[in-house]
Amino acid sequence: MMELAEMVVPFMTIFLSVLLYVGVSLIAGYLNRIRLIKTQGLAWYEKVFLKNIGTISMVSLLATLVYLFILQGGVILPGTSGGGDDCHPSYYSNAFHIRS
């Protein structure tokens, strides 16, 4: 497995990822809000749309996480000890070179 220190991620890759995943979502949400308030009214938007979109958002986020773990499970699981070693205090002192 590649060490974390060996992985090089170009700045433009990070920038474009943030732009696509955060920027596009924010712009789409803003435009959707403007359109819905204009066509349905502020009261409908706050009472009906926001109430229902919260549930949809939670289910979508959970489905996305499950999907990502299904796709990357083979990469994630072999890198873990599975024994709960990361819960023991000595793990942190060794991992972060903390000396008493």
N, C-alpha and C. Protein backbone atom coordinates (compact mmCIF):
# COMPACT_ATOMS: atom_id res chain seq x y z
N MET A 1 0.84 -1.17 0.00
CA MET A 1 0.00 0.00 0.00
C MET A 1 0.89 1.24 0.00
N MET A 2 0.49 2.23 -0.78
CA MET A 2 1.28 3.45 -0.90
C MET A 2 1.23 4.24 0.41
N GLU A 3 2.38 4.70 0.85
CA GLU A 3 2.43 5.53 2.05
C GLU A 3 1.81 6.88 1.74
N LEU A 4 1.24 7.49 2.77
CA LEU A 4 0.59 8.78 2.59
C LEU A 4 1.58 9.85 2.14
N ALA A 5 2.80 9.78 2.62
CA ALA A 5 3.81 10.78 2.27
C ALA A 5 4.20 10.69 0.80
N GLU A 6 3.99 9.54 0.17
CA GLU A 6 4.37 9.36 -1.23
C GLU A 6 3.30 9.83 -2.20
N MET A 7 2.10 10.08 -1.71
CA MET A 7 1.00 10.46 -2.59
C MET A 7 1.08 11.95 -2.91
N VAL A 8 1.10 12.26 -4.20
CA VAL A 8 1.15 13.64 -4.65
C VAL A 8 -0.17 13.97 -5.33
N VAL A 9 -0.84 15.01 -4.84
CA VAL A 9 -2.09 15.46 -5.44
C VAL A 9 -1.88 16.89 -5.93
N PRO A 10 -1.94 17.10 -7.23
CA PRO A 10 -1.73 18.45 -7.77
C PRO A 10 -2.79 19.43 -7.25
N PHE A 11 -2.37 20.68 -7.11
CA PHE A 11 -3.26 21.73 -6.62
C PHE A 11 -4.50 21.87 -7.49
N MET A 12 -4.35 21.82 -8.80
CA MET A 12 -5.49 22.00 -9.70
C MET A 12 -6.51 20.87 -9.54
N THR A 13 -6.05 19.67 -9.19
CA THR A 13 -6.97 18.57 -8.96
C THR A 13 -7.84 18.86 -7.74
N ILE A 14 -7.23 19.34 -6.68
CA ILE A 14 -7.98 19.68 -5.47
C ILE A 14 -8.92 20.86 -5.76
N PHE A 15 -8.42 21.86 -6.45
CA PHE A 15 -9.22 23.05 -6.76
C PHE A 15 -10.44 22.69 -7.59
N LEU A 16 -10.24 21.89 -8.64
CA LEU A 16 -11.36 21.51 -9.49
C LEU A 16 -12.35 20.61 -8.76
N SER A 17 -11.85 19.74 -7.90
CA SER A 17 -12.74 18.88 -7.12
C SER A 17 -13.63 19.71 -6.20
N VAL A 18 -13.04 20.66 -5.51
CA VAL A 18 -13.82 21.52 -4.62
C VAL A 18 -14.80 22.36 -5.45
N LEU A 19 -14.34 22.89 -6.55
CA LEU A 19 -15.21 23.70 -7.41
C LEU A 19 -16.41 22.89 -7.90
N LEU A 20 -16.17 21.67 -8.34
CA LEU A 20 -17.25 20.85 -8.86
C LEU A 20 -18.20 20.36 -7.77
N TYR A 21 -17.65 19.82 -6.70
CA TYR A 21 -18.50 19.21 -5.68
C TYR A 21 -19.16 20.22 -4.75
N VAL A 22 -18.51 21.32 -4.47
CA VAL A 22 -19.08 22.32 -3.57
C VAL A 22 -19.70 23.47 -4.36
N GLY A 23 -18.96 24.02 -5.29
CA GLY A 23 -19.43 25.18 -6.03
C GLY A 23 -20.67 24.93 -6.85
N VAL A 24 -20.68 23.85 -7.59
CA VAL A 24 -21.84 23.53 -8.43
C VAL A 24 -23.07 23.28 -7.56
N SER A 25 -22.88 22.59 -6.44
CA SER A 25 -24.01 22.32 -5.54
C SER A 25 -24.57 23.61 -4.95
N LEU A 26 -23.70 24.51 -4.53
CA LEU A 26 -24.16 25.78 -3.96
C LEU A 26 -24.91 26.62 -4.99
N ILE A 27 -24.37 26.69 -6.18
CA ILE A 27 -25.02 27.48 -7.24
C ILE A 27 -26.37 26.86 -7.61
N ALA A 28 -26.42 25.54 -7.73
CA ALA A 28 -27.69 24.87 -8.06
C ALA A 28 -28.72 25.10 -6.95
N GLY A 29 -28.29 25.02 -5.70
CA GLY A 29 -29.20 25.26 -4.58
C GLY A 29 -29.72 26.69 -4.56
N TYR A 30 -28.84 27.63 -4.83
CA TYR A 30 -29.24 29.05 -4.86
C TYR A 30 -30.25 29.31 -5.98
N LEU A 31 -29.96 28.81 -7.17
CA LEU A 31 -30.87 29.01 -8.30
C LEU A 31 -32.21 28.32 -8.07
N ASN A 32 -32.16 27.15 -7.46
CA ASN A 32 -33.39 26.42 -7.15
C ASN A 32 -34.22 27.20 -6.14
N ARG A 33 -33.58 27.76 -5.12
CA ARG A 33 -34.28 28.56 -4.11
C ARG A 33 -34.96 29.77 -4.74
N ILE A 34 -34.23 30.49 -5.57
CA ILE A 34 -34.78 31.68 -6.24
C ILE A 34 -35.99 31.30 -7.09
N ARG A 35 -35.86 30.23 -7.87
CA ARG A 35 -36.94 29.81 -8.76
C ARG A 35 -38.17 29.36 -7.97
N LEU A 36 -37.95 28.58 -6.92
CA LEU A 36 -39.10 28.08 -6.15
C LEU A 36 -39.81 29.19 -5.38
N ILE A 37 -39.05 30.11 -4.83
CA ILE A 37 -39.69 31.23 -4.11
C ILE A 37 -40.49 32.09 -5.09
N LYS A 38 -39.94 32.28 -6.28
CA LYS A 38 -40.64 33.09 -7.29
C LYS A 38 -41.92 32.40 -7.76
N THR A 39 -41.89 31.09 -7.95
CA THR A 39 -43.06 30.39 -8.49
C THR A 39 -44.04 29.93 -7.41
N GLN A 40 -43.54 29.51 -6.25
CA GLN A 40 -44.41 28.94 -5.21
C GLN A 40 -44.65 29.87 -4.03
N GLY A 41 -43.74 30.80 -3.80
CA GLY A 41 -43.87 31.71 -2.67
C GLY A 41 -42.99 31.28 -1.51
N LEU A 42 -42.65 32.25 -0.67
CA LEU A 42 -41.74 32.01 0.46
C LEU A 42 -42.36 31.09 1.50
N ALA A 43 -43.64 31.25 1.77
CA ALA A 43 -44.31 30.41 2.77
C ALA A 43 -44.26 28.94 2.36
N TRP A 44 -44.58 28.63 1.11
CA TRP A 44 -44.53 27.26 0.62
C TRP A 44 -43.11 26.72 0.68
N TYR A 45 -42.17 27.55 0.28
CA TYR A 45 -40.76 27.13 0.28
C TYR A 45 -40.31 26.72 1.68
N GLU A 46 -40.64 27.54 2.67
CA GLU A 46 -40.19 27.26 4.04
C GLU A 46 -40.97 26.13 4.70
N LYS A 47 -42.29 26.05 4.46
CA LYS A 47 -43.11 25.05 5.15
C LYS A 47 -43.11 23.69 4.46
N VAL A 48 -43.13 23.67 3.16
CA VAL A 48 -43.25 22.40 2.43
C VAL A 48 -41.90 21.92 1.91
N PHE A 49 -41.23 22.73 1.12
CA PHE A 49 -40.01 22.29 0.45
C PHE A 49 -38.89 21.99 1.44
N LEU A 50 -38.60 22.92 2.34
CA LEU A 50 -37.50 22.71 3.27
C LEU A 50 -37.76 21.53 4.21
N LYS A 51 -39.02 21.33 4.58
CA LYS A 51 -39.36 20.20 5.44
C LYS A 51 -39.08 18.88 4.72
N ASN A 52 -39.46 18.79 3.47
CA ASN A 52 -39.29 17.54 2.72
C ASN A 52 -37.87 17.34 2.22
N ILE A 53 -37.18 18.40 1.87
CA ILE A 53 -35.84 18.25 1.33
C ILE A 53 -34.85 17.78 2.39
N GLY A 54 -35.13 18.09 3.65
CA GLY A 54 -34.25 17.63 4.74
C GLY A 54 -34.19 16.12 4.81
N THR A 55 -35.34 15.48 4.72
CA THR A 55 -35.39 14.02 4.74
C THR A 55 -34.71 13.44 3.51
N ILE A 56 -35.00 14.01 2.37
CA ILE A 56 -34.39 13.53 1.12
C ILE A 56 -32.87 13.68 1.18
N SER A 57 -32.39 14.78 1.73
CA SER A 57 -30.95 15.02 1.82
C SER A 57 -30.28 13.98 2.71
N MET A 58 -30.89 13.67 3.85
CA MET A 58 -30.31 12.67 4.76
C MET A 58 -30.23 11.30 4.11
N VAL A 59 -31.30 10.90 3.45
CA VAL A 59 -31.32 9.59 2.79
C VAL A 59 -30.31 9.57 1.66
N SER A 60 -30.20 10.64 0.92
CA SER A 60 -29.23 10.71 -0.19
C SER A 60 -27.80 10.65 0.32
N LEU A 61 -27.52 11.35 1.41
CA LEU A 61 -26.17 11.31 1.99
C LEU A 61 -25.84 9.91 2.47
N LEU A 62 -26.76 9.27 3.15
CA LEU A 62 -26.53 7.90 3.61
C LEU A 62 -26.30 6.96 2.43
N ALA A 63 -27.11 7.09 1.39
CA ALA A 63 -26.95 6.24 0.20
C ALA A 63 -25.60 6.49 -0.47
N THR A 64 -25.15 7.74 -0.50
CA THR A 64 -23.85 8.06 -1.08
C THR A 64 -22.72 7.42 -0.28
N LEU A 65 -22.79 7.50 1.03
CA LEU A 65 -21.76 6.89 1.87
C LEU A 65 -21.73 5.37 1.71
N VAL A 66 -22.90 4.75 1.68
CA VAL A 66 -22.96 3.30 1.49
C VAL A 66 -22.38 2.94 0.13
N TYR A 67 -22.72 3.68 -0.89
CA TYR A 67 -22.21 3.42 -2.24
C TYR A 67 -20.70 3.57 -2.31
N LEU A 68 -20.16 4.61 -1.67
CA LEU A 68 -18.71 4.81 -1.67
C LEU A 68 -18.00 3.68 -0.94
N PHE A 69 -18.55 3.23 0.18
CA PHE A 69 -17.93 2.13 0.90
C PHE A 69 -18.04 0.82 0.11
N ILE A 70 -19.12 0.65 -0.64
CA ILE A 70 -19.23 -0.54 -1.47
C ILE A 70 -18.14 -0.52 -2.55
N LEU A 71 -17.94 0.64 -3.18
CA LEU A 71 -16.93 0.74 -4.23
C LEU A 71 -15.51 0.65 -3.71
N GLN A 72 -15.24 1.24 -2.54
CA GLN A 72 -13.87 1.32 -2.03
C GLN A 72 -13.62 0.40 -0.84
N GLY A 73 -14.54 -0.47 -0.53
CA GLY A 73 -14.39 -1.36 0.63
C GLY A 73 -13.13 -2.22 0.56
N GLY A 74 -12.80 -2.68 -0.62
CA GLY A 74 -11.60 -3.50 -0.79
C GLY A 74 -10.32 -2.74 -0.53
N VAL A 75 -10.35 -1.44 -0.70
CA VAL A 75 -9.17 -0.61 -0.45
C VAL A 75 -9.12 -0.19 1.02
N ILE A 76 -10.28 0.10 1.60
CA ILE A 76 -10.34 0.61 2.97
C ILE A 76 -10.06 -0.49 3.99
N LEU A 77 -10.72 -1.63 3.86
CA LEU A 77 -10.65 -2.65 4.90
C LEU A 77 -9.28 -3.30 5.07
N PRO A 78 -8.52 -3.61 4.02
CA PRO A 78 -7.20 -4.20 4.27
C PRO A 78 -6.24 -3.27 5.02
N GLY A 79 -6.48 -1.98 4.98
CA GLY A 79 -5.60 -1.04 5.68
C GLY A 79 -5.91 -0.90 7.15
N THR A 80 -6.98 -1.53 7.62
CA THR A 80 -7.33 -1.44 9.04
C THR A 80 -6.91 -2.70 9.74
N SER A 81 -6.63 -2.58 11.03
CA SER A 81 -6.21 -3.75 11.79
C SER A 81 -7.39 -4.63 12.16
N GLY A 82 -8.55 -4.01 12.33
CA GLY A 82 -9.73 -4.78 12.68
C GLY A 82 -9.77 -5.19 14.13
N GLY A 83 -8.70 -4.93 14.87
CA GLY A 83 -8.64 -5.36 16.27
C GLY A 83 -8.88 -4.25 17.26
N GLY A 84 -9.22 -3.09 16.80
CA GLY A 84 -9.46 -1.99 17.72
C GLY A 84 -8.19 -1.38 18.27
N ASP A 85 -7.08 -1.58 17.58
CA ASP A 85 -5.80 -1.04 18.04
C ASP A 85 -5.82 0.47 18.14
N ASP A 86 -6.60 1.11 17.30
CA ASP A 86 -6.62 2.57 17.29
C ASP A 86 -7.41 3.14 18.47
N CYS A 87 -8.01 2.29 19.29
CA CYS A 87 -8.73 2.77 20.47
C CYS A 87 -7.84 2.83 21.70
N HIS A 88 -6.73 2.16 21.66
CA HIS A 88 -5.85 2.08 22.83
C HIS A 88 -4.98 3.33 22.91
N PRO A 89 -4.82 3.92 24.12
CA PRO A 89 -4.03 5.15 24.26
C PRO A 89 -2.58 5.02 23.77
N SER A 90 -2.00 3.83 23.88
CA SER A 90 -0.61 3.68 23.42
C SER A 90 -0.49 3.83 21.91
N TYR A 91 -1.58 3.55 21.20
CA TYR A 91 -1.58 3.73 19.75
C TYR A 91 -1.30 5.19 19.40
N TYR A 92 -1.98 6.09 20.09
CA TYR A 92 -1.82 7.51 19.81
C TYR A 92 -0.43 8.01 20.19
N SER A 93 0.09 7.53 21.30
CA SER A 93 1.42 7.99 21.69
C SER A 93 2.48 7.48 20.72
N ASN A 94 2.30 6.28 20.18
CA ASN A 94 3.24 5.75 19.19
C ASN A 94 3.02 6.38 17.81
N ALA A 95 1.77 6.56 17.44
CA ALA A 95 1.46 7.08 16.10
C ALA A 95 1.88 8.53 15.95
N PHE A 96 1.76 9.30 17.03
CA PHE A 96 2.07 10.72 16.94
C PHE A 96 3.35 11.07 17.66
N HIS A 97 4.12 10.05 18.02
CA HIS A 97 5.43 10.23 18.67
C HIS A 97 5.34 11.10 19.91
N ILE A 98 4.34 10.79 20.74
CA ILE A 98 4.16 11.54 21.99
C ILE A 98 4.97 10.83 23.07
N ARG A 99 5.81 11.54 23.71
CA ARG A 99 6.64 10.97 24.78
C ARG A 99 6.22 11.57 26.11
N SER A 100 6.14 10.72 27.15
CA SER A 100 5.77 11.25 28.47
C SER A 100 6.99 11.67 29.26
